[in-house]
Amino acid sequence: MELDQWIAKVKKGQHLEEHELQLLCEYVKEILIEESNVQPVNSPVTVCGDIHGQFHDLMKLFQTGGHVPETNYIFMGDFVDRGYNSLEVFTILLLLKARYPANITLLRGNHESRQLTQVYGFYDECQRKYGNANAWRYCTDVFDYLTLSAIIDGTVLCVHGGLSPDVRTIDQIRVIDRNCEIPHEGPFCDLMWSDPEEIDTWAVSPRGAGWLFGSRVTAEFNHINKLDLVCRAHQLVQEGLKYMFDKGLVTVWSAPNYCYRCGNVASILSFNEKMEREVKFFTETEENNQMRGPRTGLHIFCIMILATAVSCHVCLDYSMFLPFKGYVVAEMMQILMLKKKQATMLEVSV
């Protein structure tokens, strides 16, 4: 494989040929299968949150934090969906993993899922750019090989979503069978879907998957596992980064102006050789800003229908709204409270 040539090609916004993408996916799967569910990573390293298909902003992230292999990275999942360039994002990350496997760690997020990607854009994007679903199949097969978490110098755990009532020790993460679609419940699901909340212990999550977990749960988990910090992504943070629970947990968000309209800044969190932390913030690129679409009357009409249907418990065929999802989702995030069976179709948040 001509990895350096392919990297240069994709950085220019071009796509690999279908057979090249297939070859790349098969190659990276062989690398990922050797990684642990709790992949050990040495400092220095930079931790990144959700990217969600915002390719130009990913390029700015590398400008901000440094390019691979000069900078080591952990990406905490949600590479695809919602943004318009999920294919380019996932392809460049796979290429960097293939070229520099020891310098970049890719964790699975809740959107690294066949079900969600058929609703939130990645499937449609692959169909549009390749003319068939083969590219989507190659990429979603890789999802099943992505590791669940990473641990930096034995003291900082990185995971996409959060904690689980079924996981008290890191060793319990090590024995999860990850080579499958994300289940609807259980520890695997919780690691992908859970969120921190200003409570003590556990509460039902409004997402319909995972749990809300509180300060005492986090403190006990960190104490039992001799951790200084849990790093996670999964939730939009307007200021880019947010500490909680006496700085025992941090949320890192790396997609600026999320959905091309949320107005947030993005961040990455760097650890040096002494595990000292530095937060680096960045804003959207001009290419990102140009992708913001107008809010038309039709989009507002769709939002009103969806909101009314959910509040009245009316079942809809959500596929009818797919042409407008890029604009609808951001507004819907704050008003949808869905049951578990609906969670794979429309999420409450990210």
Protein backbone atom coordinates (compact mmCIF):
# COMPACT_ATOMS: atom_id res chain seq x y z
CA MET A 1 0.00 0.00 0.00
CA GLU A 2 1.20 3.50 -0.85
CA LEU A 3 0.19 4.95 2.51
CA ASP A 4 2.04 8.26 2.21
CA GLN A 5 0.52 8.90 -1.21
CA TRP A 6 -2.93 7.98 0.06
CA ILE A 7 -2.56 10.28 3.07
CA ALA A 8 -1.61 13.19 0.81
CA LYS A 9 -4.53 12.39 -1.48
CA VAL A 10 -7.14 12.31 1.29
CA LYS A 11 -5.78 15.48 2.91
CA LYS A 12 -6.60 17.21 -0.37
CA GLY A 13 -10.22 16.12 0.03
CA GLN A 14 -10.03 13.31 -2.52
CA HIS A 15 -11.34 9.79 -1.96
CA LEU A 16 -9.49 6.53 -2.16
CA GLU A 17 -10.60 4.12 -4.84
CA GLU A 18 -13.07 1.56 -3.53
CA HIS A 19 -10.56 -1.29 -3.71
CA GLU A 20 -7.96 0.88 -1.95
CA LEU A 21 -10.37 1.61 0.90
CA GLN A 22 -11.16 -2.09 1.21
CA LEU A 23 -7.46 -2.91 1.40
CA LEU A 24 -6.90 -0.20 4.00
CA CYS A 25 -9.77 -1.40 6.20
CA GLU A 26 -8.53 -4.99 6.13
CA TYR A 27 -5.01 -3.84 7.01
CA VAL A 28 -6.14 -1.71 9.96
CA LYS A 29 -8.34 -4.51 11.31
CA GLU A 30 -5.22 -6.64 11.63
CA ILE A 31 -3.63 -3.88 13.73
CA LEU A 32 -6.69 -3.27 15.90
CA ILE A 33 -7.29 -6.93 16.69
CA GLU A 34 -4.01 -6.94 18.62
CA GLU A 35 -5.08 -4.07 20.88
CA SER A 36 -6.53 -4.55 24.34
CA ASN A 37 -9.96 -3.34 25.41
CA VAL A 38 -7.96 -1.07 27.73
CA GLN A 39 -5.14 -0.04 25.44
CA PRO A 40 -2.04 1.19 27.34
CA VAL A 41 -0.66 4.48 26.03
CA ASN A 42 2.45 6.30 27.19
CA SER A 43 2.73 10.05 27.65
CA PRO A 44 3.20 12.47 26.00
CA VAL A 45 -0.15 12.22 24.25
CA THR A 46 -3.04 14.46 23.20
CA VAL A 47 -6.65 13.43 23.85
CA CYS A 48 -9.45 14.42 21.45
CA GLY A 49 -13.23 14.26 21.64
CA ASP A 50 -15.95 13.89 19.01
CA ILE A 51 -15.16 14.86 15.40
CA HIS A 52 -18.48 13.96 13.73
CA GLY A 53 -17.47 14.24 10.10
CA GLN A 54 -16.01 17.76 10.33
CA PHE A 55 -12.95 17.02 8.20
CA HIS A 56 -11.65 20.57 7.76
CA ASP A 57 -11.83 21.08 11.52
CA LEU A 58 -9.91 17.83 12.03
CA MET A 59 -7.16 19.29 9.85
CA LYS A 60 -7.19 22.39 12.07
CA LEU A 61 -6.99 20.12 15.12
CA PHE A 62 -3.74 18.70 13.77
CA GLN A 63 -2.47 22.22 13.09
CA THR A 64 -3.30 23.11 16.70
CA GLY A 65 -1.92 20.03 18.42
CA GLY A 66 0.76 18.90 16.00
CA HIS A 67 0.82 16.34 13.24
CA VAL A 68 1.26 12.58 13.60
CA PRO A 69 3.84 11.14 14.34
CA GLU A 70 5.41 14.20 16.04
CA THR A 71 2.34 14.27 18.31
CA ASN A 72 0.71 11.13 19.71
CA TYR A 73 -3.09 11.09 19.80
CA ILE A 74 -6.03 9.34 21.42
CA PHE A 75 -9.34 9.93 19.61
CA MET A 76 -12.29 9.03 21.83
CA GLY A 77 -14.74 7.99 19.13
CA ASP A 78 -17.65 9.48 17.16
CA PHE A 79 -15.61 10.07 14.03
CA VAL A 80 -18.62 9.88 11.72
CA ASP A 81 -22.22 11.14 11.27
CA ARG A 82 -23.80 14.59 11.31
CA GLY A 83 -20.92 16.34 9.55
CA TYR A 84 -20.67 16.32 5.77
CA ASN A 85 -17.24 14.66 5.52
CA SER A 86 -17.43 11.55 7.68
CA LEU A 87 -15.82 9.46 4.96
CA GLU A 88 -12.77 11.71 4.76
CA VAL A 89 -12.47 11.87 8.56
CA PHE A 90 -12.58 8.12 9.05
CA THR A 91 -10.33 7.44 6.06
CA ILE A 92 -7.57 9.80 7.19
CA LEU A 93 -7.67 8.39 10.73
CA LEU A 94 -7.42 4.85 9.36
CA LEU A 95 -4.51 5.89 7.15
CA LEU A 96 -2.68 7.45 10.09
CA LYS A 97 -3.34 4.32 12.15
CA ALA A 98 -1.94 2.17 9.34
CA ARG A 99 1.11 4.38 8.82
CA TYR A 100 1.87 5.17 12.48
CA PRO A 101 0.12 2.49 14.58
CA ALA A 102 2.00 3.33 17.79
CA ASN A 103 1.26 7.06 17.54
CA ILE A 104 -2.53 7.12 17.26
CA THR A 105 -5.18 5.27 19.27
CA LEU A 106 -8.77 5.11 18.01
CA LEU A 107 -11.53 4.37 20.51
CA ARG A 108 -15.05 3.35 19.62
CA GLY A 109 -17.90 5.80 20.18
CA ASN A 110 -21.63 5.22 20.16
CA HIS A 111 -21.80 6.43 16.54
CA GLU A 112 -19.39 3.72 15.42
CA SER A 113 -22.50 1.64 14.91
CA ARG A 114 -24.25 0.24 11.85
CA GLN A 115 -27.63 1.29 13.20
CA LEU A 116 -26.80 4.91 13.94
CA THR A 117 -24.82 5.48 10.77
CA GLN A 118 -27.84 4.48 8.69
CA VAL A 119 -29.78 7.32 10.30
CA TYR A 120 -27.27 10.10 10.94
CA GLY A 121 -25.55 10.44 7.59
CA PHE A 122 -22.53 8.18 7.13
CA TYR A 123 -24.41 5.53 5.15
CA ASP A 124 -25.97 8.12 2.84
CA GLU A 125 -22.61 9.84 2.39
CA CYS A 126 -20.90 6.61 1.31
CA GLN A 127 -23.73 5.88 -1.11
CA ARG A 128 -23.44 9.37 -2.57
CA LYS A 129 -19.65 9.40 -2.92
CA TYR A 130 -19.10 5.82 -4.10
CA GLY A 131 -22.42 5.01 -5.72
CA ASN A 132 -22.99 1.94 -3.53
CA ALA A 133 -22.83 0.79 0.09
CA ASN A 134 -19.57 -1.16 -0.16
CA ALA A 135 -17.45 1.61 1.41
CA TRP A 136 -19.90 1.81 4.32
CA ARG A 137 -19.63 -1.95 4.84
CA TYR A 138 -15.83 -1.88 4.83
CA CYS A 139 -15.76 0.96 7.38
CA THR A 140 -18.45 -0.42 9.67
CA ASP A 141 -16.62 -3.75 9.78
CA VAL A 142 -13.66 -1.83 11.23
CA PHE A 143 -15.95 -0.42 13.95
CA ASP A 144 -16.16 -3.86 15.55
CA TYR A 145 -12.38 -3.94 15.99
CA LEU A 146 -11.97 -0.52 17.63
CA THR A 147 -10.86 -0.65 21.23
CA LEU A 148 -13.16 0.45 24.05
CA SER A 149 -10.78 2.53 26.16
CA ALA A 150 -7.20 3.64 26.66
CA ILE A 151 -5.18 4.24 29.80
CA ILE A 152 -2.39 6.82 29.88
CA ASP A 153 0.58 5.92 32.11
CA GLY A 154 -1.79 3.82 34.23
CA THR A 155 -3.48 6.89 35.74
CA VAL A 156 -5.87 8.44 33.18
CA LEU A 157 -8.67 6.38 31.63
CA CYS A 158 -10.06 7.52 28.28
CA VAL A 159 -13.47 6.26 27.15
CA HIS A 160 -16.12 7.66 24.83
CA GLY A 161 -19.17 7.86 27.07
CA GLY A 162 -18.68 7.04 30.72
CA LEU A 163 -19.00 4.54 33.51
CA SER A 164 -21.23 1.51 34.04
CA PRO A 165 -22.84 0.01 37.17
CA ASP A 166 -21.53 -3.33 35.87
CA VAL A 167 -17.92 -2.12 35.78
CA ARG A 168 -16.15 -1.47 39.07
CA THR A 169 -12.64 -2.30 37.94
CA ILE A 170 -10.72 -1.72 34.74
CA ASP A 171 -10.12 -5.47 34.54
CA GLN A 172 -13.85 -5.91 33.92
CA ILE A 173 -13.49 -3.81 30.76
CA ARG A 174 -10.66 -6.05 29.57
CA VAL A 175 -12.92 -9.12 29.31
CA ILE A 176 -15.77 -7.54 27.29
CA ASP A 177 -16.30 -9.09 23.86
CA ARG A 178 -16.03 -6.01 21.65
CA ASN A 179 -16.07 -7.65 18.21
CA CYS A 180 -19.77 -7.00 17.59
CA GLU A 181 -22.37 -4.30 17.10
CA ILE A 182 -22.86 -2.16 20.21
CA PRO A 183 -25.54 -3.88 22.34
CA HIS A 184 -28.60 -2.03 23.65
CA GLU A 185 -27.67 -2.57 27.31
CA GLY A 186 -24.90 -3.86 29.53
CA PRO A 187 -21.34 -2.67 30.21
CA PHE A 188 -20.29 -2.32 26.56
CA CYS A 189 -23.33 -0.15 25.87
CA ASP A 190 -22.76 1.91 29.02
CA LEU A 191 -19.15 2.74 28.15
CA MET A 192 -20.42 4.17 24.86
CA TRP A 193 -23.56 5.97 26.07
CA SER A 194 -23.34 7.04 29.75
CA ASP A 195 -23.08 10.67 30.91
CA PRO A 196 -21.92 12.38 34.12
CA GLU A 197 -24.52 14.32 36.08
CA GLU A 198 -24.56 16.35 39.29
CA ILE A 199 -25.90 13.46 41.37
CA ASP A 200 -24.29 11.02 43.83
CA THR A 201 -24.78 7.60 42.28
CA TRP A 202 -26.84 6.37 39.31
CA ALA A 203 -29.94 7.55 37.47
CA VAL A 204 -31.81 6.52 34.33
CA SER A 205 -30.45 8.25 31.25
CA PRO A 206 -32.86 10.29 29.10
CA ARG A 207 -30.97 8.98 26.06
CA GLY A 208 -32.61 5.58 26.51
CA ALA A 209 -29.19 3.90 26.65
CA GLY A 210 -26.41 3.99 29.22
CA TRP A 211 -26.75 5.71 32.61
CA LEU A 212 -26.31 9.02 34.34
CA PHE A 213 -23.54 8.66 36.93
CA GLY A 214 -22.52 10.99 39.71
CA SER A 215 -19.68 12.27 41.83
CA ARG A 216 -19.52 9.44 44.37
CA VAL A 217 -19.54 6.79 41.63
CA THR A 218 -16.69 8.56 39.85
CA ALA A 219 -14.64 9.06 43.01
CA GLU A 220 -15.02 5.39 43.99
CA PHE A 221 -14.11 4.20 40.49
CA ASN A 222 -11.00 6.37 40.43
CA HIS A 223 -9.98 5.24 43.93
CA ILE A 224 -10.47 1.52 43.24
CA ASN A 225 -8.51 1.72 39.99
CA LYS A 226 -5.84 4.17 41.21
CA LEU A 227 -6.83 6.73 38.58
CA ASP A 228 -6.30 10.47 38.66
CA LEU A 229 -8.82 11.24 35.94
CA VAL A 230 -11.47 9.86 33.60
CA CYS A 231 -11.41 11.53 30.16
CA ARG A 232 -14.51 11.22 28.02
CA ALA A 233 -16.30 12.91 25.10
CA HIS A 234 -19.89 12.23 23.95
CA GLN A 235 -21.49 15.51 25.09
CA LEU A 236 -21.34 18.92 23.46
CA VAL A 237 -19.51 21.41 25.67
CA GLN A 238 -19.96 25.00 24.55
CA GLU A 239 -16.63 26.04 26.05
CA GLY A 240 -14.82 23.03 24.56
CA LEU A 241 -13.81 21.34 27.82
CA LYS A 242 -15.49 20.80 31.18
CA TYR A 243 -14.19 19.35 34.45
CA MET A 244 -16.57 17.77 36.96
CA PHE A 245 -16.45 16.01 40.33
CA ASP A 246 -13.45 17.81 41.86
CA LYS A 247 -11.61 17.43 38.56
CA GLY A 248 -11.92 13.65 38.69
CA LEU A 249 -13.59 13.65 35.27
CA VAL A 250 -13.27 15.81 32.16
CA THR A 251 -15.34 16.06 28.98
CA VAL A 252 -13.36 16.97 25.86
CA TRP A 253 -15.20 18.20 22.78
CA SER A 254 -13.31 18.57 19.48
CA ALA A 255 -15.94 19.57 16.88
CA PRO A 256 -16.14 23.39 16.72
CA ASN A 257 -19.46 24.95 15.74
CA TYR A 258 -21.02 21.51 15.98
CA CYS A 259 -23.59 20.71 13.29
CA TYR A 260 -22.43 23.96 11.63
CA ARG A 261 -24.68 26.00 13.92
CA CYS A 262 -24.05 25.38 17.65
CA GLY A 263 -21.45 28.14 17.99
CA ASN A 264 -19.17 26.24 20.38
CA VAL A 265 -15.39 26.23 20.52
CA ALA A 266 -13.43 22.96 20.48
CA SER A 267 -10.53 21.66 22.54
CA ILE A 268 -7.87 19.00 22.83
CA LEU A 269 -6.17 17.98 26.09
CA SER A 270 -2.43 17.34 26.03
CA PHE A 271 -0.38 15.43 28.62
CA ASN A 272 3.39 15.90 28.66
CA GLU A 273 6.01 13.40 29.90
CA LYS A 274 5.30 14.47 33.50
CA MET A 275 1.54 14.08 32.94
CA GLU A 276 1.08 17.82 33.25
CA ARG A 277 -1.98 18.98 31.34
CA GLU A 278 -2.41 21.68 28.72
CA VAL A 279 -5.72 22.54 27.08
CA LYS A 280 -5.60 23.86 23.53
CA PHE A 281 -8.69 25.52 22.10
CA PHE A 282 -9.59 26.07 18.46
CA THR A 283 -12.50 27.41 16.45
CA GLU A 284 -14.12 26.38 13.20
CA THR A 285 -12.46 26.71 9.82
CA GLU A 286 -13.80 28.91 7.05
CA GLU A 287 -14.78 25.75 5.14
CA ASN A 288 -16.89 24.71 8.14
CA ASN A 289 -18.56 28.11 8.29
CA GLN A 290 -19.49 27.96 4.61
CA MET A 291 -21.33 24.67 5.15
CA ARG A 292 -23.93 26.25 7.39
CA GLY A 293 -27.24 25.96 5.60
CA PRO A 294 -30.24 28.22 5.85
CA ARG A 295 -33.02 27.36 8.24
CA THR A 296 -35.93 27.14 5.87
CA GLY A 297 -39.61 26.94 6.65
CA LEU A 298 -39.55 23.29 5.61
CA HIS A 299 -36.89 22.45 8.21
CA ILE A 300 -38.87 24.25 10.93
CA PHE A 301 -42.00 22.38 9.82
CA CYS A 302 -40.16 19.04 10.18
CA ILE A 303 -39.00 20.00 13.67
CA MET A 304 -42.56 20.86 14.72
CA ILE A 305 -43.88 17.54 13.40
CA LEU A 306 -41.19 15.54 15.19
CA ALA A 307 -41.63 17.38 18.47
CA THR A 308 -45.41 16.97 18.39
CA ALA A 309 -45.15 13.28 17.49
CA VAL A 310 -42.81 12.53 20.36
CA SER A 311 -44.81 14.49 22.93
CA CYS A 312 -48.00 12.71 21.84
CA HIS A 313 -46.32 9.27 21.59
CA VAL A 314 -47.13 9.03 17.89
CA CYS A 315 -45.01 6.61 15.85
CA LEU A 316 -43.47 8.05 12.68
CA ASP A 317 -41.39 6.68 9.86
CA TYR A 318 -38.32 8.82 10.59
CA SER A 319 -36.80 8.01 7.21
CA MET A 320 -39.04 10.67 5.70
CA PHE A 321 -36.97 13.30 7.52
CA LEU A 322 -33.54 12.05 6.47
CA PRO A 323 -33.01 14.66 3.73
CA PHE A 324 -33.26 17.35 6.41
CA LYS A 325 -31.44 15.70 9.32
CA GLY A 326 -28.36 17.90 9.04
CA TYR A 327 -30.48 20.85 10.08
CA VAL A 328 -33.11 19.18 12.22
CA VAL A 329 -30.93 17.30 14.70
CA ALA A 330 -29.38 20.29 16.50
CA GLU A 331 -32.78 21.81 17.28
CA MET A 332 -34.24 18.46 18.30
CA MET A 333 -31.48 17.62 20.76
CA GLN A 334 -32.97 19.68 23.57
CA ILE A 335 -36.59 18.54 23.24
CA LEU A 336 -36.56 14.82 22.49
CA MET A 337 -36.89 12.41 25.42
CA LEU A 338 -37.03 8.99 23.82
CA LYS A 339 -37.50 5.43 24.96
CA LYS A 340 -34.77 2.86 24.49
CA LYS A 341 -36.21 1.48 21.25
CA GLN A 342 -36.23 4.98 19.76
CA ALA A 343 -32.71 5.84 20.90
CA THR A 344 -31.14 4.24 17.83
CA MET A 345 -33.20 6.50 15.59
CA LEU A 346 -33.10 9.92 17.26
CA GLU A 347 -30.82 10.73 20.17
CA VAL A 348 -31.44 13.30 22.86
CA SER A 349 -27.94 14.69 22.42
CA VAL A 350 -24.68 13.66 20.73
